[in-house]
Amino acid sequence: MTLARDLINTPANDMGPADLENAARQLAASHGAEIGAVIGDDLLTRNFPLIHAVGVPPHRRRRRG
């Protein structure tokens, strides 16, 4: 229970996506579970375009208009 609380209460500037993935991998390993991640352009391939759009850094976003 404390892991969930700690993850929720950690500010985004202190824990990015890679840090969250690492925490999930550690939790999975401690329980003998397997884990996978869909990252970058694989999000588009697997039909997650909105998640991909949110994860694109501002300097790489296309401007509309």
Protein backbone atom coordinates (compact mmCIF):
# COMPACT_ATOMS: atom_id res chain seq x y z
CA MET A 1 0.00 0.00 0.00
CA THR A 2 2.76 2.45 0.72
CA LEU A 3 4.24 2.06 -2.79
CA ALA A 4 0.99 3.25 -4.39
CA ARG A 5 0.79 6.19 -2.00
CA ASP A 6 4.41 7.14 -2.64
CA LEU A 7 3.99 6.96 -6.42
CA ILE A 8 0.81 9.04 -6.33
CA ASN A 9 2.36 11.68 -4.08
CA THR A 10 5.63 12.00 -6.02
CA PRO A 11 5.64 15.21 -8.10
CA ALA A 12 5.88 14.69 -11.87
CA ASN A 13 9.15 16.64 -12.02
CA ASP A 14 10.67 14.08 -9.61
CA MET A 15 9.30 10.96 -11.35
CA GLY A 16 8.99 10.78 -15.09
CA PRO A 17 7.66 7.95 -17.25
CA ALA A 18 10.94 6.02 -17.15
CA ASP A 19 11.01 6.21 -13.34
CA LEU A 20 7.42 4.96 -13.13
CA GLU A 21 8.22 2.11 -15.51
CA ASN A 22 11.23 1.20 -13.36
CA ALA A 23 9.05 1.11 -10.23
CA ALA A 24 6.54 -1.14 -12.03
CA ARG A 25 9.33 -3.43 -13.21
CA GLN A 26 10.72 -3.72 -9.68
CA LEU A 27 7.27 -4.54 -8.31
CA ALA A 28 6.70 -7.15 -11.01
CA ALA A 29 10.10 -8.73 -10.37
CA SER A 30 9.45 -8.95 -6.65
CA HIS A 31 6.32 -11.00 -7.39
CA GLY A 32 7.76 -13.10 -10.22
CA ALA A 33 5.53 -11.38 -12.79
CA GLU A 34 6.33 -10.33 -16.34
CA ILE A 35 5.87 -6.76 -17.54
CA GLY A 36 6.03 -5.02 -20.88
CA ALA A 37 6.01 -1.42 -22.06
CA VAL A 38 4.80 0.25 -25.25
CA ILE A 39 7.08 3.23 -25.93
CA GLY A 40 7.48 5.93 -28.58
CA ASP A 41 6.22 5.27 -32.09
CA ASP A 42 5.14 1.77 -31.04
CA LEU A 43 2.20 3.55 -29.41
CA LEU A 44 1.04 4.53 -32.90
CA THR A 45 1.60 1.04 -34.26
CA ARG A 46 -0.50 -0.42 -31.43
CA ASN A 47 -3.24 2.21 -31.96
CA PHE A 48 -2.63 4.49 -28.98
CA PRO A 49 -2.39 7.83 -30.86
CA LEU A 50 -3.68 10.04 -28.05
CA ILE A 51 -1.22 8.67 -25.50
CA HIS A 52 1.52 9.17 -28.10
CA ALA A 53 0.43 12.78 -28.67
CA VAL A 54 0.54 13.59 -24.96
CA GLY A 55 4.04 12.13 -24.66
CA VAL A 56 5.58 14.13 -27.50
CA PRO A 57 7.85 16.92 -26.18
CA PRO A 58 6.62 20.45 -26.98
CA HIS A 59 9.53 21.19 -29.31
CA ARG A 60 8.53 18.21 -31.50
CA ARG A 61 4.78 18.87 -31.66
CA ARG A 62 3.28 19.97 -34.94
CA ARG A 63 1.51 23.30 -34.85
CA ARG A 64 -1.94 23.55 -36.32
CA GLY A 65 -3.25 26.55 -38.06
